[in-house]
Protein backbone atom coordinates (compact mmCIF):
# COMPACT_ATOMS: atom_id res chain seq x y z
CA MET A 1 -20.32 5.57 0.46
CA PRO A 2 -16.52 4.97 0.47
CA HIS A 3 -14.96 5.19 3.91
CA ILE A 4 -12.31 3.70 6.19
CA ILE A 5 -12.88 3.07 9.89
CA ALA A 6 -10.22 1.71 12.23
CA GLU A 7 -10.86 1.10 15.90
CA SER A 8 -8.04 -0.02 18.22
CA LEU A 9 -6.34 -1.71 15.25
CA ALA A 10 -3.30 -3.90 15.94
CA ILE A 11 -0.93 -5.92 13.74
CA ASP A 12 1.67 -8.38 15.09
CA PHE A 13 4.42 -10.24 13.24
CA PRO A 14 5.61 -13.45 15.01
CA LEU A 15 9.36 -14.13 15.28
CA TYR A 16 9.36 -17.91 14.90
CA HIS A 17 13.10 -18.36 15.49
CA MET A 18 12.77 -17.17 19.13
CA GLY A 19 11.60 -20.53 20.44
CA ALA A 20 14.25 -21.26 23.07
CA ARG A 21 13.04 -20.10 26.48
CA SER A 22 16.41 -18.69 27.62
CA LEU A 23 16.91 -16.78 24.36
CA LYS A 24 13.33 -15.51 24.48
CA LYS A 25 13.80 -14.29 28.05
CA ARG A 26 17.01 -12.41 27.19
CA ILE A 27 15.46 -10.82 24.12
CA LEU A 28 12.33 -9.66 25.93
CA SER A 29 14.24 -8.32 28.91
CA LYS A 30 16.28 -6.00 26.68
CA ALA A 31 13.69 -5.38 23.96
CA PRO A 32 12.05 -2.10 23.03
CA LEU A 33 8.31 -1.85 23.63
CA ARG A 34 7.45 -3.25 20.18
CA LEU A 35 8.71 -6.75 21.08
CA ARG A 36 6.47 -8.77 23.39
CA GLU A 37 5.14 -12.26 24.07
CA ASP A 38 1.64 -13.02 22.81
CA ALA A 39 -1.05 -15.35 24.19
CA SER A 40 0.52 -18.29 22.32
CA HIS A 41 3.90 -17.57 23.99
CA ARG A 42 5.49 -16.41 20.74
CA VAL A 43 7.76 -13.40 20.54
CA VAL A 44 6.05 -10.93 18.24
CA VAL A 45 6.80 -7.51 16.79
CA SER A 46 3.94 -5.11 17.46
CA ALA A 47 3.96 -3.47 14.02
CA LEU A 48 0.79 -1.42 14.62
CA ARG A 49 -0.65 -0.67 18.05
CA ASP A 50 -4.06 0.67 19.04
CA LEU A 51 -4.75 2.70 15.88
CA SER A 52 -8.11 4.47 15.72
CA PHE A 53 -9.13 6.84 12.91
CA ARG A 54 -11.83 7.51 10.33
CA ILE A 55 -11.33 8.60 6.73
CA GLY A 56 -14.32 9.84 4.78
CA ARG A 57 -15.21 10.67 1.22
CA GLY A 58 -13.11 13.48 -0.26
CA GLU A 59 -10.18 13.11 2.14
CA ARG A 60 -6.58 12.96 0.93
CA VAL A 61 -4.52 11.46 3.74
CA ALA A 62 -0.73 11.23 3.97
CA LEU A 63 0.90 8.63 6.21
CA ILE A 64 4.22 10.06 7.35
CA GLY A 65 6.96 9.05 9.78
CA HIS A 66 10.46 7.60 9.92
CA ASN A 67 11.43 4.29 8.33
CA GLY A 68 9.87 1.49 10.36
CA ALA A 69 7.11 3.72 11.74
CA GLY A 70 4.41 1.46 10.26
CA LYS A 71 3.31 3.39 7.15
CA THR A 72 3.54 0.56 4.61
CA THR A 73 2.22 -1.98 7.13
CA LEU A 74 -0.86 0.19 7.61
CA LEU A 75 -1.33 0.55 3.85
CA ARG A 76 -1.10 -3.21 3.38
CA THR A 77 -3.57 -3.75 6.20
CA LEU A 78 -6.04 -1.37 4.54
CA ALA A 79 -5.55 -3.29 1.29
CA GLY A 80 -6.36 -6.60 3.00
CA VAL A 81 -2.85 -8.05 2.81
CA TYR A 82 -2.48 -8.30 6.61
CA GLU A 83 -5.16 -9.46 9.03
CA PRO A 84 -5.48 -7.44 12.27
CA VAL A 85 -4.88 -9.37 15.50
CA ALA A 86 -7.06 -6.96 17.47
CA GLY A 87 -9.50 -4.14 16.88
CA ARG A 88 -11.82 -3.51 13.96
CA LEU A 89 -11.22 -2.38 10.38
CA GLU A 90 -13.86 -1.46 7.82
CA VAL A 91 -12.94 -0.37 4.28
CA ALA A 92 -15.87 0.40 1.98
CA GLY A 93 -15.47 1.08 -1.74
CA LEU A 94 -13.57 -0.30 -4.73
CA ILE A 95 -9.89 -0.40 -3.74
CA GLY A 96 -6.98 0.37 -6.04
CA SER A 97 -3.49 -0.17 -4.64
CA LEU A 98 -0.08 1.04 -5.72
CA ILE A 99 1.82 -0.59 -2.88
CA ASP A 100 4.05 -3.44 -4.05
CA PRO A 101 4.92 -3.81 -7.77
CA SER A 102 4.82 -7.61 -7.53
CA ALA A 103 1.76 -7.91 -5.30
CA GLY A 104 -0.93 -10.11 -6.80
CA MET A 105 1.22 -11.07 -9.78
CA ASP A 106 1.82 -14.62 -10.93
CA GLN A 107 5.53 -14.56 -11.69
CA GLU A 108 5.26 -17.54 -14.04
CA SER A 109 2.50 -15.97 -16.16
CA THR A 110 3.09 -13.33 -18.80
CA GLY A 111 2.33 -9.68 -18.30
CA ARG A 112 -0.67 -9.99 -20.62
CA GLU A 113 -2.02 -13.02 -18.73
CA ASN A 114 -1.70 -11.16 -15.43
CA ILE A 115 -3.64 -8.20 -16.82
CA VAL A 116 -6.45 -10.41 -18.15
CA LEU A 117 -6.68 -12.27 -14.83
CA ARG A 118 -6.87 -8.95 -12.95
CA GLY A 119 -9.70 -7.82 -15.22
CA LEU A 120 -11.64 -11.05 -14.74
CA PHE A 121 -11.14 -10.79 -10.97
CA ARG A 122 -12.63 -7.29 -11.08
CA GLY A 123 -15.70 -8.64 -12.86
CA LEU A 124 -14.91 -7.70 -16.45
CA SER A 125 -15.81 -10.02 -19.32
CA GLU A 126 -13.09 -11.90 -21.19
CA ALA A 127 -13.42 -9.48 -24.13
CA GLU A 128 -13.17 -6.45 -21.82
CA SER A 129 -10.17 -7.95 -20.03
CA THR A 130 -8.41 -8.63 -23.34
CA ALA A 131 -9.05 -5.05 -24.46
CA MET A 132 -7.72 -3.81 -21.12
CA ALA A 133 -4.54 -5.84 -21.67
CA ASP A 134 -3.97 -4.04 -24.97
CA GLU A 135 -4.46 -0.66 -23.28
CA VAL A 136 -2.16 -1.50 -20.38
CA GLY A 137 0.46 -2.91 -22.74
CA ALA A 138 0.46 0.24 -24.86
CA PHE A 139 0.77 2.55 -21.87
CA SER A 140 3.47 0.52 -20.11
CA GLY A 141 5.63 0.46 -23.24
CA LEU A 142 6.71 -3.12 -22.56
CA GLY A 143 6.29 -4.14 -26.20
CA GLU A 144 7.13 -7.79 -26.83
CA PHE A 145 7.94 -8.28 -23.13
CA LEU A 146 4.21 -8.17 -22.41
CA ASP A 147 4.10 -11.77 -23.65
CA VAL A 148 6.96 -13.21 -21.59
CA PRO A 149 6.83 -14.37 -17.93
CA VAL A 150 6.87 -11.59 -15.35
CA ARG A 151 9.74 -13.32 -13.51
CA THR A 152 12.04 -12.19 -16.34
CA TYR A 153 11.17 -8.50 -15.85
CA SER A 154 13.54 -5.99 -14.32
CA ALA A 155 12.36 -4.04 -11.26
CA GLY A 156 11.62 -1.04 -13.47
CA MET A 157 9.55 -3.12 -15.87
CA GLN A 158 7.49 -4.53 -12.99
CA VAL A 159 6.84 -1.00 -11.73
CA ARG A 160 5.67 0.09 -15.18
CA LEU A 161 3.36 -2.92 -15.54
CA SER A 162 1.96 -2.53 -12.01
CA PHE A 163 1.38 1.19 -12.48
CA ALA A 164 -0.39 0.67 -15.80
CA MET A 165 -2.53 -2.14 -14.35
CA ALA A 166 -3.49 -0.14 -11.27
CA THR A 167 -4.38 3.02 -13.16
CA VAL A 168 -6.42 1.51 -15.98
CA MET A 169 -9.39 1.25 -13.59
CA GLU A 170 -10.80 4.05 -11.47
CA PRO A 171 -10.81 3.05 -7.78
CA GLU A 172 -12.92 4.75 -5.13
CA VAL A 173 -10.25 4.16 -2.47
CA LEU A 174 -6.68 4.65 -3.72
CA LEU A 175 -3.82 3.31 -1.57
CA MET A 176 -0.32 4.34 -2.64
CA ASP A 177 3.22 3.83 -1.41
CA GLU A 178 6.05 5.99 -2.67
CA TRP A 179 7.53 3.22 -4.86
CA PHE A 180 5.44 4.70 -7.73
CA LEU A 181 8.04 7.50 -7.95
CA ALA A 182 10.80 4.95 -8.64
CA GLY A 183 10.06 4.47 -12.35
CA ASP A 184 12.47 5.72 -14.96
CA ALA A 185 12.29 9.45 -15.67
CA ALA A 186 10.82 9.12 -19.17
CA PHE A 187 8.04 6.81 -18.00
CA MET A 188 7.17 8.91 -14.93
CA ALA A 189 6.96 12.05 -17.06
CA LYS A 190 4.45 10.20 -19.21
CA ALA A 191 2.64 8.80 -16.16
CA ARG A 192 2.44 12.02 -14.15
CA GLU A 193 -0.72 13.31 -15.81
CA LYS A 194 -2.46 9.95 -15.46
CA LEU A 195 -1.37 9.63 -11.84
CA THR A 196 -2.61 13.13 -10.99
CA ARG A 197 -5.98 12.35 -12.61
CA LEU A 198 -6.20 9.07 -10.69
CA VAL A 199 -5.52 10.88 -7.39
CA THR A 200 -8.05 13.61 -8.21
CA ASP A 201 -10.80 11.21 -9.25
CA ALA A 202 -10.47 8.84 -6.27
CA GLU A 203 -13.03 9.33 -3.51
CA ILE A 204 -10.35 8.64 -0.87
CA LEU A 205 -6.54 8.76 -1.12
CA VAL A 206 -4.17 7.24 1.45
CA LEU A 207 -0.52 7.88 0.58
CA ALA A 208 2.60 6.74 2.45
CA THR A 209 5.61 8.90 1.64
CA HIS A 210 8.68 10.74 2.91
CA ASP A 211 8.27 13.45 0.26
CA MET A 212 6.71 16.44 2.00
CA GLU A 213 6.29 18.31 -1.29
CA VAL A 214 4.01 15.52 -2.52
CA VAL A 215 2.16 15.65 0.80
CA ARG A 216 1.60 19.41 0.46
CA GLU A 217 0.54 19.11 -3.19
CA TRP A 218 -1.86 16.16 -2.94
CA CYS A 219 -3.01 15.78 0.66
CA THR A 220 -5.36 17.64 3.00
CA ARG A 221 -4.68 15.58 6.13
CA ALA A 222 -1.63 13.88 7.61
CA ILE A 223 -1.29 11.01 10.06
CA ARG A 224 2.15 10.78 11.65
CA LEU A 225 3.18 7.32 12.85
CA ASP A 226 5.97 6.49 15.28
CA ALA A 227 6.80 2.94 16.41
CA GLY A 228 3.45 1.69 15.12
CA ARG A 229 1.32 4.28 16.89
CA ILE A 230 -0.41 7.49 15.78
CA VAL A 231 1.33 10.50 17.33
CA ALA A 232 -0.36 13.25 15.29
CA ASP A 233 -3.44 13.46 13.06
CA GLY A 234 -4.80 16.63 11.48
CA PRO A 235 -4.46 19.15 8.65
CA VAL A 236 -1.20 18.81 6.71
CA ALA A 237 0.21 22.20 7.73
CA GLU A 238 -0.42 21.57 11.42
CA VAL A 239 1.07 18.06 11.50
CA LEU A 240 4.16 19.07 9.51
CA GLU A 241 4.80 21.95 11.90
CA LEU A 242 5.09 19.45 14.76
CA ALA A 243 8.05 17.67 13.11
């Protein structure tokens, strides 16, 4: 059964340019709590600290908080992009992620080649992956650009391709950052119905956003982060009232 379990989860990012002892000492003496020295004597940013939560089937969870609170870092950790330095994380179920438009893309390959590779990675046959490329290409509206290298795409084109690739399959655990709202108006009007269906059909949704209207519309639970820690977790209405 799809679920997410985090126990005392922690993520650190080393600051490799802080090697000089005198500079390190000055930085740490004046640093906020998120800067510290780890066991290898590196200065690290504590991006996530001591996070514990469980998300079960049927839950729609919003990650909210100010910029730098740790929302996207937590999403990427759930997606397997970052490896925890402490604690335990268990994510069960087929994951679909709308986090970074360029994540997992080979910039030198064409859009079509990237789609086929994604299908093969998910266990589809070559014929199924080729058919999926046609479907994704039609929905994205990229036309002839589907057969040119992704590195030539504009930011909007990469969003359209990533959205179409992510939504052509039906994930059990859907992880989304708010970049999906950044597409051009015409495309997002076309994508809205498909996005809503994707959210509804997913067993679990975890969404990082600043848009409280989206939170109220799609989510049943909110986790508020501040400086990499959970400061509130509960029903949407209750957590938003604490703001």
